Amino acid sequence: QMNSLKPEDTAVYYCVADGSPYICRGPPGRYN
């Protein structure tokens, strides 16, 4: 859910998934 959208939010958005137990313990960009 994206609210108060700005022009700089323009992008291709990708859904990602991973079964590793450590993933999403921090910002998503930190992980592969």
PDB file of all heavy atoms in Angstrom:
ATOM      1  N   GLN A   1       0.861  -1.183   0.000  1.00  0.00           N
ATOM      2  CA  GLN A   1       0.000   0.000   0.000  1.00  0.00           C
ATOM      3  C   GLN A   1       0.899   1.236   0.000  1.00  0.00           C
ATOM      4  O   GLN A   1       1.730   1.398   0.904  1.00  0.00           O
ATOM      5  CB  GLN A   1      -0.907   0.009   1.236  1.00  0.00           C
ATOM      6  CG  GLN A   1      -1.759   1.251   1.375  1.00  0.00           C
ATOM      7  CD  GLN A   1      -2.831   1.352   0.310  1.00  0.00           C
ATOM      8  OE1 GLN A   1      -3.451   0.361  -0.058  1.00  0.00           O
ATOM      9  NE2 GLN A   1      -3.055   2.562  -0.193  1.00  0.00           N
ATOM     10  N   MET A   2       0.726   2.078  -0.996  1.00  0.00           N
ATOM     11  CA  MET A   2       1.559   3.279  -1.133  1.00  0.00           C
ATOM     12  C   MET A   2       0.671   4.508  -1.043  1.00  0.00           C
ATOM     13  O   MET A   2      -0.246   4.677  -1.853  1.00  0.00           O
ATOM     14  CB  MET A   2       2.298   3.252  -2.469  1.00  0.00           C
ATOM     15  CG  MET A   2       3.197   2.036  -2.629  1.00  0.00           C
ATOM     16  SD  MET A   2       4.157   2.042  -4.158  1.00  0.00           S
ATOM     17  CE  MET A   2       2.882   1.584  -5.330  1.00  0.00           C
ATOM     18  N   ASN A   3       0.930   5.354  -0.060  1.00  0.00           N
ATOM     19  CA  ASN A   3       0.167   6.580   0.141  1.00  0.00           C
ATOM     20  C   ASN A   3       1.050   7.801  -0.126  1.00  0.00           C
ATOM     21  O   ASN A   3       2.280   7.705  -0.134  1.00  0.00           O
ATOM     22  CB  ASN A   3      -0.361   6.631   1.578  1.00  0.00           C
ATOM     23  CG  ASN A   3      -1.304   5.490   1.894  1.00  0.00           C
ATOM     24  OD1 ASN A   3      -2.064   5.034   1.043  1.00  0.00           O
ATOM     25  ND2 ASN A   3      -1.254   5.002   3.131  1.00  0.00           N
ATOM     26  N   SER A   4       0.395   8.922  -0.321  1.00  0.00           N
ATOM     27  CA  SER A   4       1.097  10.198  -0.523  1.00  0.00           C
ATOM     28  C   SER A   4       2.209  10.058  -1.550  1.00  0.00           C
ATOM     29  O   SER A   4       3.360  10.444  -1.303  1.00  0.00           O
ATOM     30  CB  SER A   4       1.663  10.691   0.815  1.00  0.00           C
ATOM     31  OG  SER A   4       0.649  10.818   1.775  1.00  0.00           O
ATOM     32  N   LEU A   5       1.865   9.519  -2.681  1.00  0.00           N
ATOM     33  CA  LEU A   5       2.876   9.235  -3.691  1.00  0.00           C
ATOM     34  C   LEU A   5       3.483  10.506  -4.267  1.00  0.00           C
ATOM     35  O   LEU A   5       2.817  11.546  -4.392  1.00  0.00           O
ATOM     36  CB  LEU A   5       2.273   8.380  -4.799  1.00  0.00           C
ATOM     37  CG  LEU A   5       2.145   6.897  -4.416  1.00  0.00           C
ATOM     38  CD1 LEU A   5       1.156   6.193  -5.317  1.00  0.00           C
ATOM     39  CD2 LEU A   5       3.504   6.231  -4.461  1.00  0.00           C
ATOM     40  N   LYS A   6       4.758  10.396  -4.617  1.00  0.00           N
ATOM     41  CA  LYS A   6       5.523  11.511  -5.168  1.00  0.00           C
ATOM     42  C   LYS A   6       6.062  11.106  -6.535  1.00  0.00           C
ATOM     43  O   LYS A   6       6.235   9.919  -6.811  1.00  0.00           O
ATOM     44  CB  LYS A   6       6.694  11.840  -4.242  1.00  0.00           C
ATOM     45  CG  LYS A   6       6.321  12.081  -2.798  1.00  0.00           C
ATOM     46  CD  LYS A   6       7.561  12.221  -1.934  1.00  0.00           C
ATOM     47  CE  LYS A   6       7.203  12.390  -0.470  1.00  0.00           C
ATOM     48  NZ  LYS A   6       8.410  12.515   0.385  1.00  0.00           N
ATOM     49  N   PRO A   7       6.374  12.079  -7.370  1.00  0.00           N
ATOM     50  CA  PRO A   7       6.959  11.728  -8.679  1.00  0.00           C
ATOM     51  C   PRO A   7       8.226  10.878  -8.549  1.00  0.00           C
ATOM     52  O   PRO A   7       8.472  10.011  -9.406  1.00  0.00           O
ATOM     53  CB  PRO A   7       7.263  13.090  -9.292  1.00  0.00           C
ATOM     54  CG  PRO A   7       6.235  14.000  -8.694  1.00  0.00           C
ATOM     55  CD  PRO A   7       6.064  13.512  -7.276  1.00  0.00           C
ATOM     56  N   GLU A   8       8.982  11.087  -7.481  1.00  0.00           N
ATOM     57  CA  GLU A   8      10.214  10.298  -7.309  1.00  0.00           C
ATOM     58  C   GLU A   8       9.942   8.851  -6.915  1.00  0.00           C
ATOM     59  O   GLU A   8      10.878   8.048  -6.831  1.00  0.00           O
ATOM     60  CB  GLU A   8      11.137  10.950  -6.283  1.00  0.00           C
ATOM     61  CG  GLU A   8      10.475  11.293  -4.967  1.00  0.00           C
ATOM     62  CD  GLU A   8      10.017  12.755  -4.915  1.00  0.00           C
ATOM     63  OE1 GLU A   8       9.475  13.251  -5.936  1.00  0.00           O
ATOM     64  OE2 GLU A   8      10.192  13.370  -3.839  1.00  0.00           O
ATOM     65  N   ASP A   9       8.688   8.491  -6.673  1.00  0.00           N
ATOM     66  CA  ASP A   9       8.328   7.094  -6.445  1.00  0.00           C
ATOM     67  C   ASP A   9       8.145   6.336  -7.759  1.00  0.00           C
ATOM     68  O   ASP A   9       7.932   5.117  -7.750  1.00  0.00           O
ATOM     69  CB  ASP A   9       7.040   6.994  -5.629  1.00  0.00           C
ATOM     70  CG  ASP A   9       7.205   7.515  -4.213  1.00  0.00           C
ATOM     71  OD1 ASP A   9       8.223   7.201  -3.566  1.00  0.00           O
ATOM     72  OD2 ASP A   9       6.287   8.227  -3.747  1.00  0.00           O
ATOM     73  N   THR A  10       8.212   7.045  -8.865  1.00  0.00           N
ATOM     74  CA  THR A  10       8.098   6.404 -10.171  1.00  0.00           C
ATOM     75  C   THR A  10       9.231   5.408 -10.366  1.00  0.00           C
ATOM     76  O   THR A  10      10.402   5.761 -10.233  1.00  0.00           O
ATOM     77  CB  THR A  10       8.125   7.457 -11.286  1.00  0.00           C
ATOM     78  OG1 THR A  10       6.971   8.288 -11.173  1.00  0.00           O
ATOM     79  CG2 THR A  10       8.151   6.794 -12.657  1.00  0.00           C
ATOM     80  N   ALA A  11       8.870   4.170 -10.681  1.00  0.00           N
ATOM     81  CA  ALA A  11       9.869   3.114 -10.814  1.00  0.00           C
ATOM     82  C   ALA A  11       9.184   1.827 -11.252  1.00  0.00           C
ATOM     83  O   ALA A  11       7.949   1.731 -11.242  1.00  0.00           O
ATOM     84  CB  ALA A  11      10.596   2.876  -9.489  1.00  0.00           C
ATOM     85  N   VAL A  12       9.990   0.836 -11.590  1.00  0.00           N
ATOM     86  CA  VAL A  12       9.497  -0.528 -11.730  1.00  0.00           C
ATOM     87  C   VAL A  12       9.596  -1.170 -10.352  1.00  0.00           C
ATOM     88  O   VAL A  12      10.656  -1.151  -9.732  1.00  0.00           O
ATOM     89  CB  VAL A  12      10.304  -1.333 -12.759  1.00  0.00           C
ATOM     90  CG1 VAL A  12       9.802  -2.768 -12.817  1.00  0.00           C
ATOM     91  CG2 VAL A  12      10.216  -0.672 -14.141  1.00  0.00           C
ATOM     92  N   TYR A  13       8.496  -1.731  -9.899  1.00  0.00           N
ATOM     93  CA  TYR A  13       8.437  -2.342  -8.573  1.00  0.00           C
ATOM     94  C   TYR A  13       8.474  -3.858  -8.706  1.00  0.00           C
ATOM     95  O   TYR A  13       7.715  -4.444  -9.488  1.00  0.00           O
ATOM     96  CB  TYR A  13       7.172  -1.898  -7.850  1.00  0.00           C
ATOM     97  CG  TYR A  13       7.286  -0.497  -7.300  1.00  0.00           C
ATOM     98  CD1 TYR A  13       7.229   0.614  -8.152  1.00  0.00           C
ATOM     99  CD2 TYR A  13       7.473  -0.268  -5.943  1.00  0.00           C
ATOM    100  CE1 TYR A  13       7.354   1.900  -7.649  1.00  0.00           C
ATOM    101  CE2 TYR A  13       7.597   1.021  -5.432  1.00  0.00           C
ATOM    102  CZ  TYR A  13       7.538   2.099  -6.300  1.00  0.00           C
ATOM    103  OH  TYR A  13       7.668   3.374  -5.802  1.00  0.00           O
ATOM    104  N   TYR A  14       9.352  -4.481  -7.902  1.00  0.00           N
ATOM    105  CA  TYR A  14       9.555  -5.920  -7.947  1.00  0.00           C
ATOM    106  C   TYR A  14       9.182  -6.549  -6.606  1.00  0.00           C
ATOM    107  O   TYR A  14       9.595  -6.059  -5.548  1.00  0.00           O
ATOM    108  CB  TYR A  14      11.014  -6.256  -8.238  1.00  0.00           C
ATOM    109  CG  TYR A  14      11.527  -5.751  -9.559  1.00  0.00           C
ATOM    110  CD1 TYR A  14      12.115  -4.497  -9.659  1.00  0.00           C
ATOM    111  CD2 TYR A  14      11.434  -6.537 -10.698  1.00  0.00           C
ATOM    112  CE1 TYR A  14      12.591  -4.033 -10.870  1.00  0.00           C
ATOM    113  CE2 TYR A  14      11.919  -6.080 -11.916  1.00  0.00           C
ATOM    114  CZ  TYR A  14      12.493  -4.827 -11.997  1.00  0.00           C
ATOM    115  OH  TYR A  14      12.967  -4.374 -13.201  1.00  0.00           O
ATOM    116  N   CYS A  15       8.470  -7.633  -6.670  1.00  0.00           N
ATOM    117  CA  CYS A  15       8.201  -8.457  -5.496  1.00  0.00           C
ATOM    118  C   CYS A  15       9.325  -9.483  -5.367  1.00  0.00           C
ATOM    119  O   CYS A  15       9.774 -10.046  -6.376  1.00  0.00           O
ATOM    120  CB  CYS A  15       6.853  -9.152  -5.673  1.00  0.00           C
ATOM    121  SG  CYS A  15       6.363 -10.200  -4.299  1.00  0.00           S
ATOM    122  N   VAL A  16       9.781  -9.718  -4.135  1.00  0.00           N
ATOM    123  CA  VAL A  16      10.867 -10.665  -3.900  1.00  0.00           C
ATOM    124  C   VAL A  16      10.500 -11.584  -2.740  1.00  0.00           C
ATOM    125  O   VAL A  16       9.688 -11.220  -1.884  1.00  0.00           O
ATOM    126  CB  VAL A  16      12.201  -9.943  -3.604  1.00  0.00           C
ATOM    127  CG1 VAL A  16      12.652  -9.119  -4.784  1.00  0.00           C
ATOM    128  CG2 VAL A  16      12.075  -9.063  -2.360  1.00  0.00           C
ATOM    129  N   ALA A  17      11.123 -12.755  -2.723  1.00  0.00           N
ATOM    130  CA  ALA A  17      10.865 -13.722  -1.658  1.00  0.00           C
ATOM    131  C   ALA A  17      12.145 -14.484  -1.331  1.00  0.00           C
ATOM    132  O   ALA A  17      13.011 -14.662  -2.184  1.00  0.00           O
ATOM    133  CB  ALA A  17       9.770 -14.700  -2.072  1.00  0.00           C
ATOM    134  N   ASP A  18      12.226 -14.909  -0.085  1.00  0.00           N
ATOM    135  CA  ASP A  18      13.380 -15.713   0.339  1.00  0.00           C
ATOM    136  C   ASP A  18      13.013 -16.472   1.599  1.00  0.00           C
ATOM    137  O   ASP A  18      12.351 -15.924   2.487  1.00  0.00           O
ATOM    138  CB  ASP A  18      14.590 -14.809   0.587  1.00  0.00           C
ATOM    139  CG  ASP A  18      15.898 -15.574   0.607  1.00  0.00           C
ATOM    140  OD1 ASP A  18      16.083 -16.402   1.510  1.00  0.00           O
ATOM    141  OD2 ASP A  18      16.728 -15.334  -0.284  1.00  0.00           O
ATOM    142  N   GLY A  19      13.464 -17.710   1.680  1.00  0.00           N
ATOM    143  CA  GLY A  19      13.150 -18.551   2.829  1.00  0.00           C
ATOM    144  C   GLY A  19      14.210 -18.551   3.904  1.00  0.00           C
ATOM    145  O   GLY A  19      14.092 -19.286   4.894  1.00  0.00           O
ATOM    146  N   SER A  20      15.232 -17.733   3.765  1.00  0.00           N
ATOM    147  CA  SER A  20      16.292 -17.712   4.773  1.00  0.00           C
ATOM    148  C   SER A  20      15.776 -17.130   6.080  1.00  0.00           C
ATOM    149  O   SER A  20      15.038 -16.140   6.073  1.00  0.00           O
ATOM    150  CB  SER A  20      17.463 -16.872   4.272  1.00  0.00           C
ATOM    151  OG  SER A  20      17.998 -17.426   3.097  1.00  0.00           O
ATOM    152  N   PRO A  21      16.178 -17.711   7.200  1.00  0.00           N
ATOM    153  CA  PRO A  21      15.643 -17.245   8.487  1.00  0.00           C
ATOM    154  C   PRO A  21      16.131 -15.867   8.900  1.00  0.00           C
ATOM    155  O   PRO A  21      15.485 -15.197   9.706  1.00  0.00           O
ATOM    156  CB  PRO A  21      16.130 -18.318   9.464  1.00  0.00           C
ATOM    157  CG  PRO A  21      17.331 -18.919   8.814  1.00  0.00           C
ATOM    158  CD  PRO A  21      17.057 -18.866   7.338  1.00  0.00           C
ATOM    159  N   TYR A  22      17.268 -15.409   8.358  1.00  0.00           N
ATOM    160  CA  TYR A  22      17.832 -14.130   8.789  1.00  0.00           C
ATOM    161  C   TYR A  22      17.305 -12.947   7.982  1.00  0.00           C
ATOM    162  O   TYR A  22      17.497 -11.797   8.345  1.00  0.00           O
ATOM    163  CB  TYR A  22      19.358 -14.162   8.653  1.00  0.00           C
ATOM    164  CG  TYR A  22      19.840 -14.302   7.228  1.00  0.00           C
ATOM    165  CD1 TYR A  22      20.023 -13.185   6.426  1.00  0.00           C
ATOM    166  CD2 TYR A  22      20.095 -15.557   6.690  1.00  0.00           C
ATOM    167  CE1 TYR A  22      20.448 -13.306   5.118  1.00  0.00           C
ATOM    168  CE2 TYR A  22      20.517 -15.686   5.382  1.00  0.00           C
ATOM    169  CZ  TYR A  22      20.696 -14.560   4.597  1.00  0.00           C
ATOM    170  OH  TYR A  22      21.119 -14.680   3.306  1.00  0.00           O
ATOM    171  N   ILE A  23      16.629 -13.245   6.883  1.00  0.00           N
ATOM    172  CA  ILE A  23      16.279 -12.161   5.958  1.00  0.00           C
ATOM    173  C   ILE A  23      15.183 -11.293   6.549  1.00  0.00           C
ATOM    174  O   ILE A  23      14.349 -11.755   7.329  1.00  0.00           O
ATOM    175  CB  ILE A  23      15.891 -12.742   4.584  1.00  0.00           C
ATOM    176  CG1 ILE A  23      16.269 -11.768   3.467  1.00  0.00           C
ATOM    177  CG2 ILE A  23      14.421 -13.118   4.518  1.00  0.00           C
ATOM    178  CD1 ILE A  23      16.490 -12.421   2.154  1.00  0.00           C
ATOM    179  N   CYS A  24      15.201 -10.019   6.188  1.00  0.00           N
ATOM    180  CA  CYS A  24      14.244  -9.012   6.673  1.00  0.00           C
ATOM    181  C   CYS A  24      14.441  -8.714   8.158  1.00  0.00           C
ATOM    182  O   CYS A  24      13.544  -8.219   8.811  1.00  0.00           O
ATOM    183  CB  CYS A  24      12.801  -9.416   6.397  1.00  0.00           C
ATOM    184  SG  CYS A  24      11.639  -8.015   6.523  1.00  0.00           S
ATOM    185  N   ARG A  25      15.615  -8.988   8.674  1.00  0.00           N
ATOM    186  CA  ARG A  25      15.913  -8.528  10.029  1.00  0.00           C
ATOM    187  C   ARG A  25      16.401  -7.089  10.009  1.00  0.00           C
ATOM    188  O   ARG A  25      16.579  -6.456  11.049  1.00  0.00           O
ATOM    189  CB  ARG A  25      16.949  -9.437  10.689  1.00  0.00           C
ATOM    190  CG  ARG A  25      16.397 -10.806  11.024  1.00  0.00           C
ATOM    191  CD  ARG A  25      17.399 -11.654  11.773  1.00  0.00           C
ATOM    192  NE  ARG A  25      16.827 -12.968  12.100  1.00  0.00           N
ATOM    193  CZ  ARG A  25      17.489 -13.932  12.698  1.00  0.00           C
ATOM    194  NH1 ARG A  25      18.747 -13.754  13.075  1.00  0.00           N
ATOM    195  NH2 ARG A  25      16.899 -15.085  12.942  1.00  0.00           N
ATOM    196  N   GLY A  26      16.660  -6.598   8.797  1.00  0.00           N
ATOM    197  CA  GLY A  26      17.051  -5.214   8.593  1.00  0.00           C
ATOM    198  C   GLY A  26      16.449  -4.721   7.300  1.00  0.00           C
ATOM    199  O   GLY A  26      15.589  -5.396   6.715  1.00  0.00           O
ATOM    200  N   PRO A  27      16.853  -3.563   6.817  1.00  0.00           N
ATOM    201  CA  PRO A  27      16.333  -3.042   5.551  1.00  0.00           C
ATOM    202  C   PRO A  27      16.518  -4.056   4.427  1.00  0.00           C
ATOM    203  O   PRO A  27      17.563  -4.710   4.345  1.00  0.00           O
ATOM    204  CB  PRO A  27      17.179  -1.793   5.318  1.00  0.00           C
ATOM    205  CG  PRO A  27      17.609  -1.376   6.684  1.00  0.00           C
ATOM    206  CD  PRO A  27      17.808  -2.639   7.452  1.00  0.00           C
ATOM    207  N   PRO A  28      15.530  -4.221   3.547  1.00  0.00           N
ATOM    208  CA  PRO A  28      15.573  -5.281   2.540  1.00  0.00           C
ATOM    209  C   PRO A  28      16.756  -5.199   1.589  1.00  0.00           C
ATOM    210  O   PRO A  28      17.221  -6.225   1.078  1.00  0.00           O
ATOM    211  CB  PRO A  28      14.241  -5.132   1.796  1.00  0.00           C
ATOM    212  CG  PRO A  28      13.775  -3.751   2.103  1.00  0.00           C
ATOM    213  CD  PRO A  28      14.294  -3.441   3.461  1.00  0.00           C
ATOM    214  N   GLY A  29      17.250  -3.991   1.330  1.00  0.00           N
ATOM    215  CA  GLY A  29      18.374  -3.851   0.417  1.00  0.00           C
ATOM    216  C   GLY A  29      19.676  -4.430   0.925  1.00  0.00           C
ATOM    217  O   GLY A  29      20.642  -4.559   0.169  1.00  0.00           O
ATOM    218  N   ARG A  30      19.675  -4.805   2.183  1.00  0.00           N
ATOM    219  CA  ARG A  30      20.880  -5.355   2.790  1.00  0.00           C
ATOM    220  C   ARG A  30      21.107  -6.807   2.363  1.00  0.00           C
ATOM    221  O   ARG A  30      22.213  -7.341   2.514  1.00  0.00           O
ATOM    222  CB  ARG A  30      20.733  -5.279   4.307  1.00  0.00           C
ATOM    223  CG  ARG A  30      21.937  -5.743   5.115  1.00  0.00           C
ATOM    224  CD  ARG A  30      21.649  -5.607   6.601  1.00  0.00           C
ATOM    225  NE  ARG A  30      21.424  -4.222   7.004  1.00  0.00           N
ATOM    226  CZ  ARG A  30      21.116  -3.843   8.237  1.00  0.00           C
ATOM    227  NH1 ARG A  30      20.961  -4.757   9.182  1.00  0.00           N
ATOM    228  NH2 ARG A  30      20.940  -2.582   8.538  1.00  0.00           N
ATOM    229  N   TYR A  31      20.071  -7.462   1.850  1.00  0.00           N
ATOM    230  CA  TYR A  31      20.138  -8.905   1.595  1.00  0.00           C
ATOM    231  C   TYR A  31      20.034  -9.229   0.108  1.00  0.00           C
ATOM    232  O   TYR A  31      19.527  -8.439  -0.683  1.00  0.00           O
ATOM    233  CB  TYR A  31      18.982  -9.603   2.325  1.00  0.00           C
ATOM    234  CG  TYR A  31      18.912  -9.249   3.786  1.00  0.00           C
ATOM    235  CD1 TYR A  31      18.024  -8.286   4.247  1.00  0.00           C
ATOM    236  CD2 TYR A  31      19.730  -9.879   4.717  1.00  0.00           C
ATOM    237  CE1 TYR A  31      17.954  -7.954   5.585  1.00  0.00           C
ATOM    238  CE2 TYR A  31      19.664  -9.559   6.065  1.00  0.00           C
ATOM    239  CZ  TYR A  31      18.782  -8.586   6.496  1.00  0.00           C
ATOM    240  OH  TYR A  31      18.718  -8.265   7.826  1.00  0.00           O
ATOM    241  N   ASN A  32      20.504 -10.409  -0.251  1.00  0.00           N
ATOM    242  CA  ASN A  32      20.340 -10.954  -1.602  1.00  0.00           C
ATOM    243  C   ASN A  32      19.134 -11.880  -1.588  1.00  0.00           C
ATOM    244  O   ASN A  32      19.194 -12.981  -1.062  1.00  0.00           O
ATOM    245  CB  ASN A  32      21.586 -11.726  -2.027  1.00  0.00           C
ATOM    246  CG  ASN A  32      22.780 -10.834  -2.201  1.00  0.00           C
ATOM    247  OD1 ASN A  32      22.669  -9.737  -2.745  1.00  0.00           O
ATOM    248  ND2 ASN A  32      23.933 -11.282  -1.745  1.00  0.00           N
TER     249      ASN A  32
END
